[in-house]
């Protein structure tokens, strides 16, 4: 039995020798996962997609300059024409060359939903055949404005929603990074538990083998009974089996931890458990205040309401009378040469009014408007319920965190007492002043106390990072996480890298 266990352990450590060994604490593990894990890569790319969407929105609010042109258009065909002398339609051969260009500067006006524009045009036409001639047509300058009088103003709603969507995307990125931290904590303490249990299993093997060897000597002098000797042997056998199972569990936990951090699969990690954290008092009211400001879900609720209100506005205005107008003032001229097309231009005035009057649609537009209003009412109730649930989650997490701080103190004290009791009981058993059952019970209590301490640390950090996730606030560093993010963006010249 000893030979099998020793061989297994030697094989395990031989793997460690030929692999890269890294010592990590909790903070460093979170840093690596936040930078290199697949989840972090996905979160960064989702944020960048929202970033460029917001940049597109901002660019759409600026004046746009565009050039529309037909560099060359040549036609040679037969076309139908009216012969006024004979009062008949005839086909005549036509050969022509056209070219055209328009340079336009436009600006959307968010308040009214209209569009201002300034443009300039130049066209050239040449006809071939019996009557060959050329003409230039120019619009040196034209200023205009188009506006829907009663229709849906999409620009106004975009101005409200798009900045909110981008701010929510920033907060959602930080929220996701805190979720990654929670996952790291789970993997970290799973590996820490596996390493602790493996170390305890090794110690138990050495202790049980020693006690069994001592028991054999004491049995020979009739100091213990055969029943106690068999119990010692059973403990030794169980300790060896436990060590092998602990080795398997450690290998699995190591693989899960290394894979999540996206490290080399042959990396062997030695963990350093975090020290006992400092006690901090967090009031539910303060946490709830930060959550309402920073949590992306609260901002998502606001976005949902705005989008529902936008849909109501769209459907109501599309179901009623609508009117639009456009006006432009400029100059134009034609001539048979380029210079003449820009001499003494004539004023060009264009005024257009359009009307859209729904007469009979069998209630389709009215039904859509009613559906949008009903959806808005349902959304309001849903948002209110979700807000209450989120507020309750924040308050419960704060209470849970405060309790976890006390549990760590108790678990640490229990571990110290259990270790001390086991050492005393072991010494008393060696000198024959206590029985075997007391020794086994003391050892089990020490193992449970060690496990409970690690679980208490895990639960503390899980509750703390959940609180960070819900509030996007670092209570230990006393800083809003969005401020840290803004510094990263400034270092990256305005964008996250």
Protein backbone atom coordinates (compact mmCIF):
# COMPACT_ATOMS: atom_id res chain seq x y z
CA UNK A 1 0.00 0.00 0.00
CA UNK A 2 2.78 2.42 0.91
CA UNK A 3 4.64 1.58 -2.30
CA UNK A 4 1.62 2.37 -4.49
CA UNK A 5 0.97 5.71 -2.78
CA UNK A 6 4.58 6.81 -2.86
CA UNK A 7 4.84 5.92 -6.56
CA UNK A 8 1.67 7.86 -7.34
CA UNK A 9 2.88 10.90 -5.43
CA UNK A 10 6.30 10.79 -7.10
CA UNK A 11 4.63 10.64 -10.51
CA UNK A 12 2.49 13.63 -9.57
CA UNK A 13 5.46 15.71 -8.53
CA UNK A 14 7.50 14.61 -11.55
CA UNK A 15 4.85 16.25 -13.71
CA UNK A 16 5.31 19.47 -11.74
CA UNK A 17 9.05 19.42 -12.33
CA UNK A 18 8.62 19.39 -16.13
CA UNK A 19 5.86 22.02 -16.14
CA UNK A 20 5.95 25.74 -15.49
CA UNK A 21 5.24 26.56 -11.85
CA UNK A 22 3.60 29.90 -11.07
CA UNK A 23 2.64 31.31 -7.69
CA UNK A 24 -0.55 33.38 -7.79
CA UNK A 25 -2.62 35.23 -5.24
CA UNK A 26 -6.27 36.17 -5.71
CA UNK A 27 -5.67 39.70 -7.02
CA UNK A 28 -3.14 38.55 -9.61
CA UNK A 29 -5.47 35.76 -10.74
CA UNK A 30 -8.26 38.30 -11.29
CA UNK A 31 -5.87 40.56 -13.24
CA UNK A 32 -4.83 37.72 -15.56
CA UNK A 33 -8.43 36.65 -16.18
CA UNK A 34 -9.51 40.25 -16.80
CA UNK A 35 -6.80 40.58 -19.42
CA UNK A 36 -6.43 37.16 -21.05
CA UNK A 37 -9.52 35.02 -20.50
CA UNK A 38 -11.91 34.27 -23.35
CA UNK A 39 -14.75 35.91 -21.41
CA UNK A 40 -12.72 39.13 -21.11
CA UNK A 41 -11.93 39.03 -24.84
CA UNK A 42 -15.64 38.74 -25.63
CA UNK A 43 -16.57 41.56 -23.23
CA UNK A 44 -13.95 43.90 -24.73
CA UNK A 45 -15.14 43.26 -28.28
CA UNK A 46 -18.78 43.77 -27.33
CA UNK A 47 -17.85 47.07 -25.74
CA UNK A 48 -15.87 48.14 -28.81
CA UNK A 49 -18.86 47.36 -31.04
CA UNK A 50 -21.00 49.68 -28.90
CA UNK A 51 -18.20 52.24 -28.87
CA UNK A 52 -18.10 52.45 -32.66
CA UNK A 53 -21.89 52.52 -32.82
CA UNK A 54 -21.83 55.56 -30.55
CA UNK A 55 -19.08 57.13 -32.65
CA UNK A 56 -21.30 56.68 -35.71
CA UNK A 57 -24.15 58.39 -33.88
CA UNK A 58 -21.89 61.33 -32.95
CA UNK A 59 -20.65 61.58 -36.53
CA UNK A 60 -24.26 61.67 -37.74
CA UNK A 61 -24.85 64.82 -35.70
CA UNK A 62 -22.07 66.66 -37.56
CA UNK A 63 -22.36 68.30 -41.00
CA UNK A 64 -21.84 65.84 -43.82
CA UNK A 65 -20.27 66.63 -47.16
CA UNK A 66 -21.16 64.40 -50.09
CA UNK A 67 -20.49 64.34 -53.81
CA UNK A 68 -22.99 62.79 -56.20
CA UNK A 69 -21.72 62.51 -59.74
CA UNK A 70 -22.25 60.83 -63.07
CA UNK A 71 -18.81 61.17 -64.65
CA UNK A 72 -19.97 60.16 -68.12
CA UNK A 73 -23.11 58.84 -69.73
CA UNK A 74 -23.14 58.13 -73.47
CA UNK A 75 -26.28 57.14 -75.35
CA UNK A 76 -26.89 56.16 -78.99
CA UNK A 77 -30.33 54.80 -79.70
CA UNK A 78 -33.67 55.42 -81.33
CA UNK A 79 -36.20 57.35 -79.32
CA UNK A 80 -39.86 58.12 -79.86
CA UNK A 81 -40.61 61.76 -80.75
CA UNK A 82 -43.74 63.67 -81.83
CA UNK A 83 -43.82 65.10 -85.38
CA UNK A 84 -46.02 68.18 -85.06
CA UNK A 85 -46.20 68.82 -88.82
CA UNK A 86 -47.66 65.39 -89.57
CA UNK A 87 -49.29 64.90 -86.10
CA UNK A 88 -47.69 61.50 -85.65
CA UNK A 89 -45.11 59.81 -83.40
CA UNK A 90 -41.88 58.81 -85.12
CA UNK A 91 -38.63 57.11 -84.07
CA UNK A 92 -35.56 59.24 -84.45
CA UNK A 93 -31.94 58.45 -83.94
CA UNK A 94 -30.33 60.16 -80.98
CA UNK A 95 -26.72 60.36 -79.86
CA UNK A 96 -25.76 62.25 -76.72
CA UNK A 97 -23.13 62.64 -74.01
CA UNK A 98 -23.95 63.70 -70.43
CA UNK A 99 -21.99 64.41 -67.31
CA UNK A 100 -23.22 65.71 -63.95
CA UNK A 101 -21.93 66.54 -60.45
CA UNK A 102 -23.47 67.78 -57.19
CA UNK A 103 -21.54 68.81 -54.08
CA UNK A 104 -23.77 69.04 -51.01
CA UNK A 105 -23.24 70.01 -47.36
CA UNK A 106 -26.12 68.97 -45.05
CA UNK A 107 -26.84 69.23 -41.34
CA UNK A 108 -29.62 67.52 -39.39
CA UNK A 109 -31.51 69.66 -36.88
CA UNK A 110 -32.41 67.48 -33.87
CA UNK A 111 -34.96 69.82 -32.31
CA UNK A 112 -37.36 69.81 -35.26
CA UNK A 113 -36.18 66.78 -37.23
CA UNK A 114 -35.46 68.86 -40.31
CA UNK A 115 -32.41 69.08 -42.54
CA UNK A 116 -30.50 72.13 -43.78
CA UNK A 117 -28.44 71.84 -46.93
CA UNK A 118 -26.15 73.90 -49.13
CA UNK A 119 -25.19 72.53 -52.52
CA UNK A 120 -23.78 73.34 -55.91
CA UNK A 121 -24.40 71.60 -59.25
CA UNK A 122 -22.81 71.48 -62.66
CA UNK A 123 -24.04 69.57 -65.70
CA UNK A 124 -22.85 69.19 -69.28
CA UNK A 125 -24.78 67.83 -72.28
CA UNK A 126 -23.71 67.38 -75.89
CA UNK A 127 -25.96 66.15 -78.68
CA UNK A 128 -24.54 64.69 -81.89
CA UNK A 129 -26.12 64.46 -85.31
CA UNK A 130 -27.52 66.95 -87.79
CA UNK A 131 -27.97 69.54 -85.05
CA UNK A 132 -24.87 69.20 -82.92
CA UNK A 133 -24.73 71.46 -79.90
CA UNK A 134 -23.45 71.60 -76.33
CA UNK A 135 -24.89 73.08 -73.14
CA UNK A 136 -23.65 73.70 -69.63
CA UNK A 137 -26.10 73.92 -66.71
CA UNK A 138 -24.98 75.28 -63.34
CA UNK A 139 -26.35 75.94 -59.89
CA UNK A 140 -23.52 77.93 -58.28
CA UNK A 141 -25.20 78.02 -54.88
CA UNK A 142 -28.43 76.76 -53.39
CA UNK A 143 -29.56 76.85 -49.75
CA UNK A 144 -32.51 74.81 -48.56
CA UNK A 145 -34.37 73.25 -45.68
CA UNK A 146 -36.81 70.32 -45.48
CA UNK A 147 -39.09 69.58 -42.56
CA UNK A 148 -41.88 67.24 -41.54
CA UNK A 149 -44.45 69.37 -39.73
CA UNK A 150 -46.33 66.75 -37.73
CA UNK A 151 -44.41 63.54 -38.42
CA UNK A 152 -42.13 61.40 -36.27
CA UNK A 153 -38.84 63.08 -35.27
CA UNK A 154 -36.33 60.27 -35.13
CA UNK A 155 -33.41 62.65 -34.54
CA UNK A 156 -34.88 63.82 -31.22
CA UNK A 157 -35.27 60.26 -29.90
CA UNK A 158 -31.80 59.24 -31.06
CA UNK A 159 -30.34 62.16 -29.12
CA UNK A 160 -32.00 60.82 -25.96
CA UNK A 161 -31.36 57.10 -26.44
CA UNK A 162 -27.94 56.72 -28.10
CA UNK A 163 -25.85 58.43 -25.35
CA UNK A 164 -27.77 56.35 -22.80
CA UNK A 165 -27.01 53.16 -24.74
CA UNK A 166 -23.30 53.97 -24.82
CA UNK A 167 -23.17 54.77 -21.11
CA UNK A 168 -24.98 51.52 -20.44
CA UNK A 169 -22.43 49.67 -22.63
CA UNK A 170 -19.58 51.13 -20.54
CA UNK A 171 -21.27 50.05 -17.34
CA UNK A 172 -22.15 46.65 -18.81
CA UNK A 173 -18.48 46.08 -19.65
CA UNK A 174 -17.47 46.79 -16.05
CA UNK A 175 -20.38 44.64 -14.83
CA UNK A 176 -19.16 41.73 -16.98
CA UNK A 177 -15.62 42.15 -15.69
CA UNK A 178 -16.93 41.80 -12.13
CA UNK A 179 -18.74 38.62 -13.21
CA UNK A 180 -15.40 37.35 -14.51
CA UNK A 181 -13.89 38.16 -11.10
CA UNK A 182 -16.64 36.12 -9.44
CA UNK A 183 -15.83 33.18 -11.70
CA UNK A 184 -12.11 33.53 -10.92
CA UNK A 185 -12.90 33.43 -7.19
CA UNK A 186 -14.88 30.21 -7.62
CA UNK A 187 -12.07 28.55 -9.61
CA UNK A 188 -9.42 29.97 -7.27
CA UNK A 189 -10.94 28.59 -4.09
CA UNK A 190 -11.87 25.30 -5.74
CA UNK A 191 -8.20 24.86 -6.52
CA UNK A 192 -7.23 26.14 -3.07
CA UNK A 193 -9.56 23.59 -1.48
CA UNK A 194 -8.14 20.83 -3.68
CA UNK A 195 -4.57 21.79 -2.77
CA UNK A 196 -5.45 21.97 0.92
CA UNK A 197 -7.18 18.60 0.85
CA UNK A 198 -4.22 17.11 -1.01
CA UNK A 199 -1.81 18.48 1.59
CA UNK A 200 -4.03 17.24 4.42
CA UNK A 201 -4.25 13.85 2.73
CA UNK A 202 -0.45 13.66 2.60
CA UNK A 203 -0.21 14.61 6.24
CA UNK A 204 -2.87 12.05 7.13
CA UNK A 205 -0.99 9.34 5.26
CA UNK A 206 2.23 10.13 7.12
CA UNK A 207 0.40 10.39 10.45
CA UNK A 208 -1.69 7.24 9.98
CA UNK A 209 1.35 5.22 8.87
CA UNK A 210 3.28 6.43 11.91
CA UNK A 211 0.42 5.66 14.27
CA UNK A 212 -0.08 2.23 12.74
CA UNK A 213 3.63 1.48 13.12
CA UNK A 214 3.46 2.59 16.76
CA UNK A 215 0.29 0.57 17.24
CA UNK A 216 2.01 -2.60 16.06
CA UNK A 217 4.77 -2.08 18.60
CA UNK A 218 2.29 -1.36 21.36
CA UNK A 219 0.15 -4.38 20.39
CA UNK A 220 3.17 -6.63 20.78
CA UNK A 221 3.49 -5.52 24.38
CA UNK A 222 -0.29 -5.76 24.87
CA UNK A 223 -0.61 -2.01 25.34
CA UNK A 224 -3.56 -1.78 22.92
CA UNK A 225 -6.20 -4.24 21.83
CA UNK A 226 -6.39 -6.00 18.49
CA UNK A 227 -9.51 -3.97 17.71
CA UNK A 228 -7.56 -0.72 18.10
CA UNK A 229 -4.76 -2.08 15.94
CA UNK A 230 -7.21 -3.02 13.17
CA UNK A 231 -8.75 0.46 13.42
CA UNK A 232 -5.32 2.03 12.99
CA UNK A 233 -4.67 -0.14 9.96
CA UNK A 234 -8.07 0.78 8.50
CA UNK A 235 -7.28 4.47 9.01
CA UNK A 236 -3.99 4.00 7.16
CA UNK A 237 -5.70 2.27 4.23
CA UNK A 238 -8.38 4.97 4.07
CA UNK A 239 -5.75 7.70 4.21
CA UNK A 240 -3.94 6.22 1.20
CA UNK A 241 -7.22 6.02 -0.77
CA UNK A 242 -8.11 9.57 0.19
CA UNK A 243 -4.71 10.78 -1.02
CA UNK A 244 -5.25 9.25 -4.46
CA UNK A 245 -8.72 10.76 -4.73
CA UNK A 246 -7.35 14.13 -3.60
CA UNK A 247 -4.68 13.90 -6.30
CA UNK A 248 -7.35 13.36 -8.98
CA UNK A 249 -9.43 16.25 -7.65
CA UNK A 250 -6.37 18.51 -7.58
CA UNK A 251 -5.55 17.70 -11.21
CA UNK A 252 -9.10 18.54 -12.29
CA UNK A 253 -9.21 21.77 -10.30
CA UNK A 254 -5.81 22.80 -11.67
CA UNK A 255 -6.94 22.21 -15.25
CA UNK A 256 -10.16 24.19 -14.74
CA UNK A 257 -8.33 27.14 -13.16
CA UNK A 258 -5.56 27.29 -15.78
CA UNK A 259 -8.04 26.93 -18.66
CA UNK A 260 -10.25 29.75 -17.39
CA UNK A 261 -7.24 32.08 -17.11
CA UNK A 262 -6.24 31.03 -20.65
CA UNK A 263 -2.78 30.01 -19.48
CA UNK A 264 -0.61 27.23 -20.87
CA UNK A 265 -2.17 23.87 -20.07
CA UNK A 266 1.09 22.57 -18.57
CA UNK A 267 1.28 25.43 -16.07
CA UNK A 268 1.24 24.36 -12.43
CA UNK A 269 -0.16 27.00 -10.09
CA UNK A 270 0.62 27.33 -6.42
CA UNK A 271 -1.96 29.51 -4.73
CA UNK A 272 -1.46 31.95 -1.92
CA UNK A 273 -4.63 32.35 0.09
CA UNK A 274 -5.60 35.97 0.70
CA UNK A 275 -5.01 37.31 4.17
CA UNK A 276 -7.89 37.99 6.46
CA UNK A 277 -9.60 41.03 4.88
CA UNK A 278 -10.11 44.24 6.73
CA UNK A 279 -13.49 44.84 8.27
CA UNK A 280 -15.56 47.46 6.47
CA UNK A 281 -19.05 48.60 7.28
CA UNK A 282 -21.32 49.06 4.29
CA UNK A 283 -24.79 50.49 4.73
CA UNK A 284 -27.57 49.19 2.45
CA UNK A 285 -28.63 52.77 1.73
CA UNK A 286 -25.17 53.72 0.42
CA UNK A 287 -24.90 50.56 -1.70
CA UNK A 288 -28.37 51.16 -3.14
CA UNK A 289 -27.42 54.73 -3.99
CA UNK A 290 -24.35 53.58 -5.96
CA UNK A 291 -26.35 50.83 -7.65
CA UNK A 292 -28.99 53.25 -8.95
CA UNK A 293 -26.26 55.45 -10.42
CA UNK A 294 -23.85 52.84 -11.79
CA UNK A 295 -25.68 49.54 -12.34
CA UNK A 296 -26.30 48.97 -16.08
CA UNK A 297 -29.61 47.27 -15.33
CA UNK A 298 -31.04 50.48 -13.88
CA UNK A 299 -29.88 52.34 -16.96
CA UNK A 300 -31.32 49.54 -19.09
CA UNK A 301 -34.70 50.10 -17.45
CA UNK A 302 -34.54 53.76 -18.46
CA UNK A 303 -33.59 52.79 -22.01
CA UNK A 304 -36.51 50.35 -22.20
CA UNK A 305 -38.95 53.09 -21.20
CA UNK A 306 -37.56 55.56 -23.73
CA UNK A 307 -37.71 53.00 -26.53
CA UNK A 308 -41.32 52.13 -25.63
CA UNK A 309 -42.25 55.83 -25.55
CA UNK A 310 -40.53 56.31 -28.91
CA UNK A 311 -42.61 53.53 -30.42
CA UNK A 312 -45.80 55.12 -29.08
CA UNK A 313 -44.79 58.46 -30.61
CA UNK A 314 -43.97 56.78 -33.93
CA UNK A 315 -47.25 54.88 -34.23
CA UNK A 316 -49.43 57.79 -33.08
CA UNK A 317 -47.92 60.22 -35.58
CA UNK A 318 -48.01 57.71 -38.42
CA UNK A 319 -51.74 57.16 -37.85
CA UNK A 320 -52.72 60.83 -38.13
CA UNK A 321 -52.54 63.69 -40.61
CA UNK A 322 -49.01 64.59 -41.69
CA UNK A 323 -47.59 67.47 -43.66
CA UNK A 324 -44.11 68.28 -44.85
CA UNK A 325 -42.49 71.12 -46.72
CA UNK A 326 -39.18 71.95 -48.31
CA UNK A 327 -37.84 75.27 -49.48
CA UNK A 328 -34.70 76.22 -51.34
CA UNK A 329 -33.26 79.46 -52.67
CA UNK A 330 -30.37 79.66 -55.08
CA UNK A 331 -29.15 80.59 -58.55
CA UNK A 332 -28.92 78.77 -61.85
CA UNK A 333 -27.85 79.41 -65.43
CA UNK A 334 -27.31 77.65 -68.73
CA UNK A 335 -24.86 78.45 -71.52
CA UNK A 336 -23.04 76.85 -74.41
CA UNK A 337 -19.69 77.20 -72.64
CA UNK A 338 -18.39 76.65 -69.14
CA UNK A 339 -17.65 80.28 -68.28
CA UNK A 340 -21.03 81.45 -69.48
CA UNK A 341 -22.80 78.99 -67.18
CA UNK A 342 -21.57 81.07 -64.22
CA UNK A 343 -22.28 84.58 -65.63
CA UNK A 344 -25.29 86.52 -64.43
CA UNK A 345 -27.06 83.54 -62.81
CA UNK A 346 -30.80 83.75 -62.39
CA UNK A 347 -32.54 83.25 -59.05
CA UNK A 348 -34.02 79.81 -58.47
CA UNK A 349 -36.80 79.41 -55.89
CA UNK A 350 -38.44 76.11 -55.05
CA UNK A 351 -41.18 75.66 -52.45
CA UNK A 352 -42.83 72.27 -51.97
CA UNK A 353 -45.59 71.21 -49.60
CA UNK A 354 -46.62 67.58 -49.21
CA UNK A 355 -49.66 66.17 -47.44
CA UNK A 356 -50.36 62.66 -46.20
CA UNK A 357 -53.99 62.10 -45.14
CA UNK A 358 -55.09 58.62 -44.03
CA UNK A 359 -58.63 58.02 -45.27
CA UNK A 360 -59.47 54.31 -44.99
CA UNK A 361 -57.06 51.70 -43.63
CA UNK A 362 -59.61 49.60 -41.69
CA UNK A 363 -58.09 50.52 -38.34
CA UNK A 364 -54.59 49.22 -39.03
CA UNK A 365 -52.76 52.38 -37.91
CA UNK A 366 -55.04 52.91 -34.93
CA UNK A 367 -54.49 49.30 -33.87
CA UNK A 368 -50.72 49.71 -34.03
CA UNK A 369 -50.92 52.85 -31.90
CA UNK A 370 -53.05 51.06 -29.29
CA UNK A 371 -50.65 48.12 -29.25
CA UNK A 372 -47.72 50.47 -28.66
CA UNK A 373 -49.53 52.17 -25.76
CA UNK A 374 -50.42 48.82 -24.21
CA UNK A 375 -46.83 47.63 -24.58
CA UNK A 376 -45.69 50.82 -22.83
CA UNK A 377 -48.01 50.11 -19.88
CA UNK A 378 -46.77 46.52 -19.64
CA UNK A 379 -43.17 47.73 -19.83
CA UNK A 380 -43.75 50.18 -17.00
CA UNK A 381 -45.04 47.44 -14.70
CA UNK A 382 -42.24 45.08 -15.69
CA UNK A 383 -39.58 47.75 -15.11
CA UNK A 384 -41.01 48.62 -11.70
CA UNK A 385 -40.94 44.97 -10.65
CA UNK A 386 -37.41 44.45 -11.94
CA UNK A 387 -36.22 47.57 -10.13
CA UNK A 388 -37.71 46.30 -6.86
CA UNK A 389 -36.04 42.90 -7.35
CA UNK A 390 -32.70 44.52 -8.07
CA UNK A 391 -32.95 46.81 -5.06
CA UNK A 392 -33.77 43.82 -2.88
CA UNK A 393 -30.78 41.93 -4.31
CA UNK A 394 -28.49 44.83 -3.41
CA UNK A 395 -29.80 45.05 0.17
CA UNK A 396 -29.58 41.27 0.67
CA UNK A 397 -26.03 41.19 -0.72
CA UNK A 398 -24.94 43.93 1.69
CA UNK A 399 -26.42 42.03 4.63
CA UNK A 400 -24.82 38.81 3.43
CA UNK A 401 -21.43 40.52 3.08
CA UNK A 402 -21.58 41.95 6.59
CA UNK A 403 -22.40 38.48 7.98
CA UNK A 404 -19.56 36.89 5.99
CA UNK A 405 -17.05 39.17 7.72
CA UNK A 406 -18.09 37.81 11.11
CA UNK A 407 -18.02 34.23 9.85
CA UNK A 408 -14.38 34.59 8.76
CA UNK A 409 -13.39 35.61 12.28
CA UNK A 410 -15.25 32.61 13.70
CA UNK A 411 -13.79 30.22 11.12
CA UNK A 412 -10.27 31.49 11.78
CA UNK A 413 -10.70 31.07 15.52
CA UNK A 414 -12.20 27.59 15.06
CA UNK A 415 -9.27 26.54 12.86
CA UNK A 416 -6.75 27.64 15.48
CA UNK A 417 -8.60 25.80 18.24
CA UNK A 418 -9.05 22.64 16.16
CA UNK A 419 -5.36 22.55 15.22
CA UNK A 420 -4.30 23.05 18.80
CA UNK A 421 -6.71 20.37 20.04
CA UNK A 422 -5.51 17.87 17.44
CA UNK A 423 -1.84 18.40 18.32
CA UNK A 424 -2.57 17.95 22.05
CA UNK A 425 -4.72 14.85 21.44
CA UNK A 426 -2.08 13.34 19.17
CA UNK A 427 0.62 13.83 21.79
CA UNK A 428 -1.62 12.34 24.48
CA UNK A 429 -2.39 9.32 22.27
CA UNK A 430 1.32 8.74 21.66
CA UNK A 431 2.00 8.58 25.38
CA UNK A 432 -1.11 6.43 25.91
CA UNK A 433 -3.26 8.95 27.83
CA UNK A 434 -6.21 9.05 25.38
CA UNK A 435 -8.02 6.56 23.22
CA UNK A 436 -8.07 6.16 19.43
CA UNK A 437 -11.61 7.46 18.95
CA UNK A 438 -10.68 10.80 20.50
CA UNK A 439 -7.71 11.08 18.12
CA UNK A 440 -9.80 10.30 15.03
CA UNK A 441 -12.52 12.74 16.11
CA UNK A 442 -9.95 15.47 16.74
CA UNK A 443 -8.38 14.93 13.32
CA UNK A 444 -11.76 15.13 11.58
CA UNK A 445 -12.55 18.35 13.41
CA UNK A 446 -9.27 19.88 12.29
CA UNK A 447 -9.92 18.92 8.66
CA UNK A 448 -13.44 20.37 8.77
CA UNK A 449 -12.17 23.58 10.39
CA UNK A 450 -9.56 23.96 7.64
CA UNK A 451 -12.17 23.44 4.95
CA UNK A 452 -14.64 25.79 6.63
CA UNK A 453 -12.01 28.53 6.78
CA UNK A 454 -11.36 28.28 3.03
CA UNK A 455 -15.09 28.25 2.32
CA UNK A 456 -15.54 31.31 4.53
CA UNK A 457 -12.86 33.16 2.58
CA UNK A 458 -14.48 32.14 -0.70
CA UNK A 459 -17.95 33.24 0.40
CA UNK A 460 -16.57 36.56 1.67
CA UNK A 461 -14.88 37.43 -1.62
CA UNK A 462 -17.81 36.17 -3.68
CA UNK A 463 -20.21 38.40 -1.77
CA UNK A 464 -17.79 41.34 -1.97
CA UNK A 465 -17.35 41.06 -5.74
CA UNK A 466 -21.05 40.55 -6.21
CA UNK A 467 -21.54 43.80 -4.33
CA UNK A 468 -18.94 45.43 -6.60
CA UNK A 469 -20.83 44.08 -9.59
CA UNK A 470 -24.20 45.41 -8.42
CA UNK A 471 -22.86 48.85 -7.47
CA UNK A 472 -19.76 49.19 -9.71
CA UNK A 473 -18.05 50.66 -6.67
CA UNK A 474 -14.82 49.56 -4.99
CA UNK A 475 -15.64 49.77 -1.27
CA UNK A 476 -12.09 48.83 -0.25
CA UNK A 477 -10.46 51.43 -2.50
CA UNK A 478 -13.45 53.81 -2.15
CA UNK A 479 -13.63 54.58 -5.86
CA UNK A 480 -16.29 54.32 -8.55
CA UNK A 481 -15.21 51.74 -11.13
CA UNK A 482 -16.28 53.97 -14.02
CA UNK A 483 -13.62 56.48 -12.89
CA UNK A 484 -10.98 53.75 -13.20
CA UNK A 485 -12.35 52.95 -16.65
CA UNK A 486 -12.19 56.60 -17.70
CA UNK A 487 -8.51 56.69 -16.78
CA UNK A 488 -7.88 53.64 -18.97
CA UNK A 489 -9.68 55.34 -21.85
CA UNK A 490 -7.66 58.52 -21.45
CA UNK A 491 -4.43 56.51 -21.45
CA UNK A 492 -5.69 54.78 -24.61
CA UNK A 493 -6.32 58.18 -26.31
CA UNK A 494 -10.09 58.05 -26.05
CA UNK A 495 -10.76 54.39 -26.59
CA UNK A 496 -10.39 51.14 -24.67
CA UNK A 497 -7.52 48.95 -25.86
